[in-house]
PDB file of N, CA and C in Angstrom:
ATOM      1  N   UNK A   1       0.865  -1.153  -0.088  1.00  0.00           N
ATOM      2  CA  UNK A   1       0.092  -0.019  -0.038  1.00  0.00           C
ATOM      3  C   UNK A   1       0.843   1.069   0.073  1.00  0.00           C
ATOM      4  N   UNK A   2       0.687   1.991  -0.953  1.00  0.00           N
ATOM      5  CA  UNK A   2       1.430   3.122  -1.138  1.00  0.00           C
ATOM      6  C   UNK A   2       0.913   4.607  -0.053  1.00  0.00           C
ATOM      7  N   UNK A   3       2.067   5.255   0.441  1.00  0.00           N
ATOM      8  CA  UNK A   3       1.603   6.419   1.264  1.00  0.00           C
ATOM      9  C   UNK A   3       1.286   7.594   0.493  1.00  0.00           C
ATOM     10  N   UNK A   4       0.912   8.576   1.058  1.00  0.00           N
ATOM     11  CA  UNK A   4       0.617   9.867   0.360  1.00  0.00           C
ATOM     12  C   UNK A   4       1.852  10.525   0.282  1.00  0.00           C
ATOM     13  N   UNK A   5       2.087  10.974  -0.875  1.00  0.00           N
ATOM     14  CA  UNK A   5       3.110  11.827  -1.134  1.00  0.00           C
ATOM     15  C   UNK A   5       3.052  13.424  -0.694  1.00  0.00           C
ATOM     16  N   UNK A   6       3.842  14.126  -0.033  1.00  0.00           N
ATOM     17  CA  UNK A   6       3.657  15.427   0.526  1.00  0.00           C
ATOM     18  C   UNK A   6       4.435  16.222  -0.453  1.00  0.00           C
ATOM     19  N   UNK A   7       3.977  17.341  -0.880  1.00  0.00           N
ATOM     20  CA  UNK A   7       4.593  18.421  -1.492  1.00  0.00           C
ATOM     21  C   UNK A   7       5.343  19.287  -0.782  1.00  0.00           C
ATOM     22  N   UNK A   8       6.639  19.466  -0.929  1.00  0.00           N
ATOM     23  CA  UNK A   8       7.448  20.433  -0.150  1.00  0.00           C
ATOM     24  C   UNK A   8       7.843  21.467  -0.922  1.00  0.00           C
ATOM     25  N   UNK A   9       8.353  22.472  -0.068  1.00  0.00           N
ATOM     26  CA  UNK A   9       8.747  23.873  -0.793  1.00  0.00           C
ATOM     27  C   UNK A   9       9.818  24.220   0.101  1.00  0.00           C
ATOM     28  N   UNK A  10      10.940  24.807  -0.643  1.00  0.00           N
ATOM     29  CA  UNK A  10      12.199  25.331   0.105  1.00  0.00           C
ATOM     30  C   UNK A  10      12.247  26.739   0.005  1.00  0.00           C
ATOM     31  N   UNK A  11      12.266  27.420   1.166  1.00  0.00           N
ATOM     32  CA  UNK A  11      12.129  28.893   1.289  1.00  0.00           C
ATOM     33  C   UNK A  11      13.654  29.411   1.029  1.00  0.00           C
ATOM     34  N   UNK A  12      13.534  30.877   0.973  1.00  0.00           N
ATOM     35  CA  UNK A  12      14.851  31.310   0.556  1.00  0.00           C
ATOM     36  C   UNK A  12      16.120  31.199   1.552  1.00  0.00           C
ATOM     37  N   UNK A  13      15.762  30.762   2.726  1.00  0.00           N
ATOM     38  CA  UNK A  13      16.661  30.460   3.602  1.00  0.00           C
ATOM     39  C   UNK A  13      17.218  29.051   3.599  1.00  0.00           C
ATOM     40  N   UNK A  14      16.533  28.237   2.878  1.00  0.00           N
ATOM     41  CA  UNK A  14      16.790  26.829   2.629  1.00  0.00           C
ATOM     42  C   UNK A  14      16.075  25.879   3.578  1.00  0.00           C
ATOM     43  N   UNK A  15      15.093  26.431   4.287  1.00  0.00           N
ATOM     44  CA  UNK A  15      14.241  25.573   5.247  1.00  0.00           C
ATOM     45  C   UNK A  15      13.054  24.930   4.358  1.00  0.00           C
ATOM     46  N   UNK A  16      12.826  23.727   4.548  1.00  0.00           N
ATOM     47  CA  UNK A  16      11.834  22.912   3.977  1.00  0.00           C
ATOM     48  C   UNK A  16      10.364  23.106   4.632  1.00  0.00           C
ATOM     49  N   UNK A  17       9.561  23.361   4.005  1.00  0.00           N
ATOM     50  CA  UNK A  17       7.948  23.386   4.455  1.00  0.00           C
ATOM     51  C   UNK A  17       7.037  22.586   3.628  1.00  0.00           C
ATOM     52  N   UNK A  18       6.142  22.133   4.337  1.00  0.00           N
ATOM     53  CA  UNK A  18       5.075  21.425   3.739  1.00  0.00           C
ATOM     54  C   UNK A  18       4.056  22.445   2.990  1.00  0.00           C
ATOM     55  N   UNK A  19       3.773  22.143   1.781  1.00  0.00           N
ATOM     56  CA  UNK A  19       2.842  22.855   1.093  1.00  0.00           C
ATOM     57  C   UNK A  19       1.455  22.922   1.650  1.00  0.00           C
ATOM     58  N   UNK A  20       1.198  21.684   2.172  1.00  0.00           N
ATOM     59  CA  UNK A  20      -0.082  21.528   2.775  1.00  0.00           C
ATOM     60  C   UNK A  20      -0.229  22.380   4.053  1.00  0.00           C
ATOM     61  N   UNK A  21       0.726  22.553   4.788  1.00  0.00           N
ATOM     62  CA  UNK A  21       0.570  23.576   5.967  1.00  0.00           C
ATOM     63  C   UNK A  21       0.579  24.928   5.404  1.00  0.00           C
ATOM     64  N   UNK A  22       1.203  25.238   4.420  1.00  0.00           N
ATOM     65  CA  UNK A  22       1.150  26.758   3.784  1.00  0.00           C
ATOM     66  C   UNK A  22      -0.390  26.879   3.420  1.00  0.00           C
ATOM     67  N   UNK A  23      -0.812  26.112   2.701  1.00  0.00           N
ATOM     68  CA  UNK A  23      -2.231  26.125   2.191  1.00  0.00           C
ATOM     69  C   UNK A  23      -3.095  26.125   3.485  1.00  0.00           C
ATOM     70  N   UNK A  24      -3.125  25.538   4.432  1.00  0.00           N
ATOM     71  CA  UNK A  24      -3.894  25.537   5.701  1.00  0.00           C
ATOM     72  C   UNK A  24      -3.768  26.949   6.353  1.00  0.00           C
ATOM     73  N   UNK A  25      -2.503  27.487   6.375  1.00  0.00           N
ATOM     74  CA  UNK A  25      -2.199  28.731   7.134  1.00  0.00           C
ATOM     75  C   UNK A  25      -2.897  29.979   6.108  1.00  0.00           C
ATOM     76  N   UNK A  26      -2.891  29.880   4.685  1.00  0.00           N
ATOM     77  CA  UNK A  26      -3.312  30.702   4.084  1.00  0.00           C
ATOM     78  C   UNK A  26      -4.910  30.658   4.131  1.00  0.00           C
ATOM     79  N   UNK A  27      -5.475  29.591   4.116  1.00  0.00           N
ATOM     80  CA  UNK A  27      -6.829  29.328   4.274  1.00  0.00           C
ATOM     81  C   UNK A  27      -7.417  30.079   5.623  1.00  0.00           C
ATOM     82  N   UNK A  28      -6.578  29.890   6.742  1.00  0.00           N
ATOM     83  CA  UNK A  28      -7.085  30.434   8.031  1.00  0.00           C
ATOM     84  C   UNK A  28      -7.170  32.035   7.886  1.00  0.00           C
ATOM     85  N   UNK A  29      -6.108  32.412   7.275  1.00  0.00           N
ATOM     86  CA  UNK A  29      -6.127  33.969   6.941  1.00  0.00           C
ATOM     87  C   UNK A  29      -7.119  34.524   6.268  1.00  0.00           C
ATOM     88  N   UNK A  30      -7.441  33.970   5.125  1.00  0.00           N
ATOM     89  CA  UNK A  30      -8.590  34.242   4.297  1.00  0.00           C
ATOM     90  C   UNK A  30      -9.729  34.137   4.956  1.00  0.00           C
ATOM     91  N   UNK A  31     -10.034  33.043   5.811  1.00  0.00           N
ATOM     92  CA  UNK A  31     -11.134  33.032   6.647  1.00  0.00           C
ATOM     93  C   UNK A  31     -11.448  34.121   7.615  1.00  0.00           C
ATOM     94  N   UNK A  32     -10.330  34.610   8.262  1.00  0.00           N
ATOM     95  CA  UNK A  32     -10.545  35.632   9.163  1.00  0.00           C
ATOM     96  C   UNK A  32     -10.825  36.870   8.406  1.00  0.00           C
ATOM     97  N   UNK A  33     -10.310  37.128   7.213  1.00  0.00           N
ATOM     98  CA  UNK A  33     -10.617  38.287   6.465  1.00  0.00           C
ATOM     99  C   UNK A  33     -12.068  38.198   5.931  1.00  0.00           C
ATOM    100  N   UNK A  34     -12.532  37.059   5.610  1.00  0.00           N
ATOM    101  CA  UNK A  34     -13.994  36.934   5.144  1.00  0.00           C
ATOM    102  C   UNK A  34     -14.921  37.296   6.356  1.00  0.00           C
ATOM    103  N   UNK A  35     -14.548  36.650   7.398  1.00  0.00           N
ATOM    104  CA  UNK A  35     -15.461  36.800   8.760  1.00  0.00           C
ATOM    105  C   UNK A  35     -15.451  38.107   9.069  1.00  0.00           C
ATOM    106  N   UNK A  36     -14.244  39.091   9.062  1.00  0.00           N
ATOM    107  CA  UNK A  36     -14.324  40.361   9.279  1.00  0.00           C
ATOM    108  C   UNK A  36     -15.114  41.173   8.453  1.00  0.00           C
ATOM    109  N   UNK A  37     -15.070  40.855   7.193  1.00  0.00           N
ATOM    110  CA  UNK A  37     -15.861  41.391   6.165  1.00  0.00           C
ATOM    111  C   UNK A  37     -17.251  41.144   6.236  1.00  0.00           C
ATOM    112  N   UNK A  38     -17.614  40.082   6.656  1.00  0.00           N
ATOM    113  CA  UNK A  38     -19.174  39.865   6.822  1.00  0.00           C
ATOM    114  C   UNK A  38     -19.627  40.469   8.137  1.00  0.00           C
ATOM    115  N   UNK A  39     -18.593  40.821   9.170  1.00  0.00           N
ATOM    116  CA  UNK A  39     -19.208  41.428  10.400  1.00  0.00           C
ATOM    117  C   UNK A  39     -19.283  42.900   9.993  1.00  0.00           C
ATOM    118  N   UNK A  40     -18.501  43.421   9.106  1.00  0.00           N
ATOM    119  CA  UNK A  40     -18.561  44.832   8.771  1.00  0.00           C
ATOM    120  C   UNK A  40     -19.992  44.981   8.025  1.00  0.00           C
ATOM    121  N   UNK A  41     -20.124  44.139   7.037  1.00  0.00           N
ATOM    122  CA  UNK A  41     -21.312  44.274   6.309  1.00  0.00           C
ATOM    123  C   UNK A  41     -22.643  44.243   7.253  1.00  0.00           C
ATOM    124  N   UNK A  42     -22.594  43.491   8.179  1.00  0.00           N
ATOM    125  CA  UNK A  42     -23.834  43.081   8.838  1.00  0.00           C
ATOM    126  C   UNK A  42     -23.933  44.406   9.736  1.00  0.00           C
ATOM    127  N   UNK A  43     -22.911  45.021  10.309  1.00  0.00           N
ATOM    128  CA  UNK A  43     -23.101  46.247  11.217  1.00  0.00           C
ATOM    129  C   UNK A  43     -23.567  47.320  10.433  1.00  0.00           C
ATOM    130  N   UNK A  44     -22.844  47.505   9.128  1.00  0.00           N
ATOM    131  CA  UNK A  44     -23.331  48.564   8.246  1.00  0.00           C
ATOM    132  C   UNK A  44     -24.515  48.639   7.770  1.00  0.00           C
ATOM    133  N   UNK A  45     -25.423  47.584   7.723  1.00  0.00           N
ATOM    134  CA  UNK A  45     -26.612  47.473   7.353  1.00  0.00           C
ATOM    135  C   UNK A  45     -27.416  47.779   8.429  1.00  0.00           C
ATOM    136  N   UNK A  46     -27.034  47.969   9.428  1.00  0.00           N
ATOM    137  CA  UNK A  46     -27.949  48.296  10.672  1.00  0.00           C
ATOM    138  C   UNK A  46     -28.039  49.779  11.039  1.00  0.00           C
ATOM    139  N   UNK A  47     -29.087  50.366  11.559  1.00  0.00           N
ATOM    140  CA  UNK A  47     -29.233  51.677  11.949  1.00  0.00           C
ATOM    141  C   UNK A  47     -28.431  51.932  13.448  1.00  0.00           C
ATOM    142  N   UNK A  48     -27.488  52.894  13.567  1.00  0.00           N
ATOM    143  CA  UNK A  48     -26.922  53.171  14.837  1.00  0.00           C
ATOM    144  C   UNK A  48     -27.931  53.590  15.905  1.00  0.00           C
ATOM    145  N   UNK A  49     -27.750  53.074  16.924  1.00  0.00           N
ATOM    146  CA  UNK A  49     -28.932  53.687  18.093  1.00  0.00           C
ATOM    147  C   UNK A  49     -29.820  52.507  18.277  1.00  0.00           C
ATOM    148  N   UNK A  50     -30.058  51.434  17.223  1.00  0.00           N
ATOM    149  CA  UNK A  50     -31.237  50.520  17.417  1.00  0.00           C
ATOM    150  C   UNK A  50     -30.654  49.490  18.210  1.00  0.00           C
ATOM    151  N   UNK A  51     -31.594  48.702  18.768  1.00  0.00           N
ATOM    152  CA  UNK A  51     -31.183  47.539  19.723  1.00  0.00           C
ATOM    153  C   UNK A  51     -30.287  46.466  18.761  1.00  0.00           C
ATOM    154  N   UNK A  52     -30.903  46.333  17.651  1.00  0.00           N
ATOM    155  CA  UNK A  52     -29.898  45.505  16.715  1.00  0.00           C
ATOM    156  C   UNK A  52     -28.613  45.731  16.424  1.00  0.00           C
ATOM    157  N   UNK A  53     -28.605  47.149  16.174  1.00  0.00           N
ATOM    158  CA  UNK A  53     -27.023  47.703  15.837  1.00  0.00           C
ATOM    159  C   UNK A  53     -26.260  47.409  17.253  1.00  0.00           C
ATOM    160  N   UNK A  54     -26.638  47.681  18.346  1.00  0.00           N
ATOM    161  CA  UNK A  54     -25.934  47.751  19.582  1.00  0.00           C
ATOM    162  C   UNK A  54     -25.472  46.221  19.908  1.00  0.00           C
ATOM    163  N   UNK A  55     -26.544  45.387  19.663  1.00  0.00           N
ATOM    164  CA  UNK A  55     -26.212  43.873  19.720  1.00  0.00           C
ATOM    165  C   UNK A  55     -24.976  43.420  18.836  1.00  0.00           C
ATOM    166  N   UNK A  56     -25.142  43.755  17.594  1.00  0.00           N
ATOM    167  CA  UNK A  56     -24.214  43.495  16.664  1.00  0.00           C
ATOM    168  C   UNK A  56     -22.784  44.066  17.065  1.00  0.00           C
ATOM    169  N   UNK A  57     -22.988  45.329  17.364  1.00  0.00           N
ATOM    170  CA  UNK A  57     -21.474  45.913  17.831  1.00  0.00           C
ATOM    171  C   UNK A  57     -20.926  45.080  19.056  1.00  0.00           C
ATOM    172  N   UNK A  58     -21.792  44.686  20.002  1.00  0.00           N
ATOM    173  CA  UNK A  58     -21.182  44.069  21.249  1.00  0.00           C
ATOM    174  C   UNK A  58     -20.653  42.571  20.692  1.00  0.00           C
ATOM    175  N   UNK A  59     -21.247  42.013  19.727  1.00  0.00           N
ATOM    176  CA  UNK A  59     -20.845  40.676  19.166  1.00  0.00           C
ATOM    177  C   UNK A  59     -19.456  41.034  18.565  1.00  0.00           C
ATOM    178  N   UNK A  60     -19.416  42.034  17.775  1.00  0.00           N
ATOM    179  CA  UNK A  60     -18.131  42.457  17.016  1.00  0.00           C
ATOM    180  C   UNK A  60     -17.054  42.798  18.141  1.00  0.00           C
ATOM    181  N   UNK A  61     -17.305  43.456  19.231  1.00  0.00           N
ATOM    182  CA  UNK A  61     -16.333  43.840  20.174  1.00  0.00           C
ATOM    183  C   UNK A  61     -16.001  42.457  20.946  1.00  0.00           C
ATOM    184  N   UNK A  62     -16.807  41.632  21.141  1.00  0.00           N
ATOM    185  CA  UNK A  62     -16.542  40.401  21.748  1.00  0.00           C
ATOM    186  C   UNK A  62     -15.550  39.616  20.766  1.00  0.00           C
ATOM    187  N   UNK A  63     -15.824  39.594  19.574  1.00  0.00           N
ATOM    188  CA  UNK A  63     -15.102  38.913  18.545  1.00  0.00           C
ATOM    189  C   UNK A  63     -13.641  39.257  18.339  1.00  0.00           C
ATOM    190  N   UNK A  64     -13.685  40.556  18.574  1.00  0.00           N
ATOM    191  CA  UNK A  64     -12.404  41.254  18.099  1.00  0.00           C
ATOM    192  C   UNK A  64     -11.658  41.807  19.389  1.00  0.00           C
ATOM    193  N   UNK A  65     -12.062  41.776  20.498  1.00  0.00           N
ATOM    194  CA  UNK A  65     -11.330  42.457  21.718  1.00  0.00           C
ATOM    195  C   UNK A  65      -9.902  41.541  21.954  1.00  0.00           C
ATOM    196  N   UNK A  66      -8.973  42.471  22.246  1.00  0.00           N
ATOM    197  CA  UNK A  66      -7.628  42.010  22.510  1.00  0.00           C
ATOM    198  C   UNK A  66      -7.514  41.971  24.073  1.00  0.00           C
ATOM    199  N   UNK A  67      -6.130  42.055  24.383  1.00  0.00           N
ATOM    200  CA  UNK A  67      -5.918  42.009  25.716  1.00  0.00           C
ATOM    201  C   UNK A  67      -6.300  43.144  26.590  1.00  0.00           C
ATOM    202  N   UNK A  68      -6.234  44.216  25.824  1.00  0.00           N
ATOM    203  CA  UNK A  68      -6.397  45.651  26.520  1.00  0.00           C
ATOM    204  C   UNK A  68      -7.932  45.782  26.460  1.00  0.00           C
ATOM    205  N   UNK A  69      -8.681  45.153  26.034  1.00  0.00           N
ATOM    206  CA  UNK A  69     -10.087  45.483  25.972  1.00  0.00           C
ATOM    207  C   UNK A  69     -11.063  44.456  26.588  1.00  0.00           C
ATOM    208  N   UNK A  70     -11.157  44.519  28.022  1.00  0.00           N
ATOM    209  CA  UNK A  70     -11.887  43.374  28.640  1.00  0.00           C
ATOM    210  C   UNK A  70     -12.927  44.041  29.438  1.00  0.00           C
ATOM    211  N   UNK A  71     -13.729  44.934  28.861  1.00  0.00           N
ATOM    212  CA  UNK A  71     -14.804  45.672  29.456  1.00  0.00           C
ATOM    213  C   UNK A  71     -16.011  44.623  29.647  1.00  0.00           C
ATOM    214  N   UNK A  72     -16.739  44.901  30.819  1.00  0.00           N
ATOM    215  CA  UNK A  72     -17.954  44.127  30.858  1.00  0.00           C
ATOM    216  C   UNK A  72     -18.938  44.613  29.929  1.00  0.00           C
ATOM    217  N   UNK A  73     -19.995  43.943  29.818  1.00  0.00           N
ATOM    218  CA  UNK A  73     -21.052  44.518  28.910  1.00  0.00           C
ATOM    219  C   UNK A  73     -21.639  45.800  29.393  1.00  0.00           C
ATOM    220  N   UNK A  74     -21.923  45.796  30.786  1.00  0.00           N
ATOM    221  CA  UNK A  74     -22.452  47.240  31.313  1.00  0.00           C
ATOM    222  C   UNK A  74     -21.501  48.217  31.072  1.00  0.00           C
ATOM    223  N   UNK A  75     -20.193  47.977  31.154  1.00  0.00           N
ATOM    224  CA  UNK A  75     -19.384  49.229  30.999  1.00  0.00           C
ATOM    225  C   UNK A  75     -19.193  49.695  29.451  1.00  0.00           C
ATOM    226  N   UNK A  76     -19.246  48.415  28.615  1.00  0.00           N
ATOM    227  CA  UNK A  76     -19.291  48.774  27.258  1.00  0.00           C
ATOM    228  C   UNK A  76     -20.553  49.500  26.800  1.00  0.00           C
ATOM    229  N   UNK A  77     -21.682  49.024  27.242  1.00  0.00           N
ATOM    230  CA  UNK A  77     -23.041  49.566  27.042  1.00  0.00           C
ATOM    231  C   UNK A  77     -22.965  50.995  27.280  1.00  0.00           C
ATOM    232  N   UNK A  78     -22.711  51.272  28.448  1.00  0.00           N
ATOM    233  CA  UNK A  78     -22.567  52.830  28.855  1.00  0.00           C
ATOM    234  C   UNK A  78     -21.815  53.652  27.863  1.00  0.00           C
ATOM    235  N   UNK A  79     -20.659  53.216  27.548  1.00  0.00           N
ATOM    236  CA  UNK A  79     -19.711  53.769  26.367  1.00  0.00           C
ATOM    237  C   UNK A  79     -20.528  53.853  25.119  1.00  0.00           C
ATOM    238  N   UNK A  80     -21.235  52.881  24.588  1.00  0.00           N
ATOM    239  CA  UNK A  80     -21.883  52.928  23.523  1.00  0.00           C
ATOM    240  C   UNK A  80     -22.947  53.974  23.365  1.00  0.00           C
ATOM    241  N   UNK A  81     -23.850  53.821  24.444  1.00  0.00           N
ATOM    242  CA  UNK A  81     -24.898  54.879  24.567  1.00  0.00           C
ATOM    243  C   UNK A  81     -24.354  56.394  24.578  1.00  0.00           C
ATOM    244  N   UNK A  82     -23.190  56.625  25.475  1.00  0.00           N
ATOM    245  CA  UNK A  82     -22.485  57.919  25.348  1.00  0.00           C
ATOM    246  C   UNK A  82     -22.063  58.367  24.012  1.00  0.00           C
ATOM    247  N   UNK A  83     -21.752  57.363  23.352  1.00  0.00           N
ATOM    248  CA  UNK A  83     -21.098  57.796  21.814  1.00  0.00           C
ATOM    249  C   UNK A  83     -22.307  58.110  20.819  1.00  0.00           C
ATOM    250  N   UNK A  84     -23.346  57.282  20.974  1.00  0.00           N
ATOM    251  CA  UNK A  84     -24.665  57.483  20.057  1.00  0.00           C
ATOM    252  C   UNK A  84     -25.338  58.752  20.634  1.00  0.00           C
ATOM    253  N   UNK A  85     -25.472  59.005  21.755  1.00  0.00           N
ATOM    254  CA  UNK A  85     -26.222  60.012  22.317  1.00  0.00           C
ATOM    255  C   UNK A  85     -25.409  61.401  21.844  1.00  0.00           C
ATOM    256  N   UNK A  86     -24.108  61.448  21.981  1.00  0.00           N
ATOM    257  CA  UNK A  86     -23.153  62.464  21.395  1.00  0.00           C
ATOM    258  C   UNK A  86     -23.373  62.755  20.101  1.00  0.00           C
ATOM    259  N   UNK A  87     -23.337  61.580  19.371  1.00  0.00           N
ATOM    260  CA  UNK A  87     -23.459  61.631  17.904  1.00  0.00           C
ATOM    261  C   UNK A  87     -24.702  62.238  17.442  1.00  0.00           C
ATOM    262  N   UNK A  88     -25.879  61.891  17.868  1.00  0.00           N
ATOM    263  CA  UNK A  88     -27.293  62.359  17.619  1.00  0.00           C
ATOM    264  C   UNK A  88     -27.469  63.743  17.974  1.00  0.00           C
ATOM    265  N   UNK A  89     -26.884  64.253  19.136  1.00  0.00           N
ATOM    266  CA  UNK A  89     -26.916  65.480  19.715  1.00  0.00           C
ATOM    267  C   UNK A  89     -26.609  66.592  18.527  1.00  0.00           C
ATOM    268  N   UNK A  90     -25.504  66.283  17.865  1.00  0.00           N
ATOM    269  CA  UNK A  90     -24.812  67.190  16.973  1.00  0.00           C
ATOM    270  C   UNK A  90     -25.370  67.008  15.507  1.00  0.00           C
ATOM    271  N   UNK A  91     -26.398  66.275  15.319  1.00  0.00           N
ATOM    272  CA  UNK A  91     -27.023  66.123  13.922  1.00  0.00           C
ATOM    273  C   UNK A  91     -28.034  67.143  13.775  1.00  0.00           C
TER     274      UNK A  91
END
């Protein structure tokens, strides 16, 4: 029984890499870009200040928060409301 042949590639430093691992890494990157794009489109289609917009923005925050952004929902919600109220005041 023959085994699967793996395609290999040599980089500029002479290191050998599996082509399969490169494809998987590139697919993960592409998936992240697609997911971020679809999140933006979802948020952009909603009207700021509506409960649906606020819910989607919270989901976006949760999905994208880094180590520096660990606000609770209550803290985040107060900031969201402040921004929305400030924005609508100047319209």
